[in-house]
Structures are given as structure tokens and as C-alpha cells.
């Protein structure tokens, strides 16, 4: 039996998170690796992805998507995701109540800015597009120029 994804949570550097139902999201992770490390009884297990592609429909841009609405301070999820390039991980929820937590590739020396993340709002469709990748950017993947318009 195949599991179905029901929701995706983007975990941000400041511990805020934003959750979207899968019906409003195109989503892909690639180059996923699993790592086990530690010493003695203090072993740690984690999954890491080298690339994430995500396109979120405008109807998902609701304050209810925030994990703690007090932290939202009147901004929408799309505004928050465009203001800061700080997605750390993706929490994936399945219909059988299982979950996956996948860390994303992080580039640069800053703890709060991921140089591998690029984000754009498509001005014609209202979709928010996000790419986290060392070698791919939102304007290449989703044909969005720096102003948010569609690249012909």
C-alpha cells in the first residue's frame, strides 16, 4: 500500500513553521540521503535533501498556516517566506499518520540566511515558488524573473 502525503510543513530557522495541505502544493525533494552519526549510545539519525522545489497555490496563503499565529504579526505566509531565505527542513505528514523530517541543504556562512534558497511570487498566477538548491534557482525552475513576472 502506498502512503499519501497529506500536508507539508516548512520549518524555518527561527523555529516558526508554516504548514500547507498537499492539495495546494506542488512539491519535490531530490538527492535524499540518510545519515547516522554519534558516539556510543548517543546516536543520531537524519534525512537530508540536496534540492527542494515547491509551488504553492494562492489560496493557501492564510494566517492559519503558521504554527504560532502570535508570531505572524499580521503578515501572510507568502510574505514571511519571501522576506527571509531560512527554510531549514521539511516535515512531511502521511495519511497513515507516519511522518518524515528532512533537512535541506544550507549554503553560506550566515546562520539565518540560506544562500541556496530562492523565492518568487508569480505575478500572473499568485503562486509562491521556492527552490532550495546549490545549482538551481527559482527563476530557472519556474520561469520567474526578478520582478516576479513570467519569463517568456
Foldseek 3Di string as FASTA:
>chain_A
DDWDWQKKWFQFLVRKIFMDGCVFKDKDFDPKDWDWDDDDPPIDIAIETQKMKMKGAQVRFDCVRIPDSVVCVPPTPLVVCQVAQTGFWMWIATPVRDIHIYGYDADDDDSRHGPQKEWAQAPPRRMIIIMRHPPDYRCVPVQADPVNYHHD
